[in-house]
Protein backbone atom coordinates (compact mmCIF):
# COMPACT_ATOMS: atom_id res chain seq x y z
CA MET A 1 5.72 -0.65 -17.21
CA TRP A 2 4.97 -4.98 -15.79
CA LEU A 3 7.85 -5.12 -14.14
CA PRO A 4 7.26 -2.09 -11.47
CA ILE A 5 3.53 -3.81 -10.85
CA GLY A 6 4.74 -6.83 -10.84
CA LEU A 7 7.43 -5.97 -8.17
CA ALA A 8 5.08 -3.83 -6.35
CA ILE A 9 2.67 -7.11 -6.32
CA ILE A 10 5.20 -9.15 -4.84
CA GLU A 11 6.02 -6.72 -2.40
CA THR A 12 2.45 -6.45 -1.22
CA ALA A 13 2.23 -10.44 -0.89
CA VAL A 14 5.70 -10.76 1.14
CA LEU A 15 4.05 -8.21 3.61
CA LEU A 16 0.82 -10.31 3.77
CA ILE A 17 2.64 -13.37 4.32
CA ASN A 18 4.76 -11.86 7.25
CA LYS A 19 1.56 -10.04 8.75
CA MET A 20 2.79 -6.42 7.60
CA GLY A 21 5.99 -6.45 9.03
CA CYS A 22 8.96 -6.61 7.22
CA PRO A 23 10.69 -9.73 6.78
CA LEU A 24 13.99 -8.04 7.74
CA THR A 25 13.17 -6.66 11.11
CA PRO A 26 13.58 -9.56 12.91
CA ILE A 27 17.19 -9.73 12.01
CA ALA A 28 17.77 -6.04 12.93
CA MET A 29 16.56 -6.96 16.38
CA ASN A 30 19.37 -8.79 17.11
CA TYR A 31 21.73 -5.83 16.17
CA THR A 32 20.39 -3.72 18.48
CA SER A 33 17.77 -2.71 21.73
CA ASP A 34 16.33 0.21 20.40
CA ARG A 35 12.36 -0.70 19.56
CA ARG A 36 11.37 2.81 18.36
CA GLU A 37 9.39 2.39 15.11
CA ASN A 38 12.15 4.00 13.09
CA PHE A 39 14.94 1.71 14.43
CA ASP A 40 15.80 -0.34 11.29
CA ILE A 41 14.90 2.11 8.64
CA TYR A 42 16.37 6.32 7.95
CA LEU A 43 12.78 7.69 8.45
CA GLN A 44 11.36 9.84 10.76
CA GLU A 45 9.44 8.50 13.76
CA TRP A 46 5.97 9.37 12.59
CA LEU A 47 6.44 8.48 8.91
CA ALA A 48 8.10 5.14 9.80
CA LYS A 49 5.47 4.34 12.11
CA HIS A 50 2.89 4.67 8.98
CA ASN A 51 4.93 4.11 6.19
CA LYS A 52 2.84 1.07 4.40
CA LEU A 53 -0.07 3.03 4.94
CA ILE A 54 0.91 6.32 3.24
CA PHE A 55 3.35 4.89 0.69
CA SER A 56 0.58 1.78 -0.61
CA MET A 57 -2.23 5.06 -0.49
CA ILE A 58 0.40 6.70 -2.89
CA LEU A 59 1.30 3.37 -5.21
CA PHE A 60 -2.62 2.44 -5.24
C-alpha cells in the first residue's frame, strides 16, 4: 500500500521540480519537429494537454 503512495509522491516532486513538465520531453524534442501536445505521449491531443490535471484529480 505504501509503495504506490510513495511513487506518486516522488512523481509529483519530479513534476514540481521540472515546472510541471516531464523531464523526458526535451530528449524527445531532439527526435522530431512535431510540437503538438501529444508528440511524446500516446494519448489523444485533448487528453495529453490536460493529463496532469485529470490524473492528479483521480489519484488524490
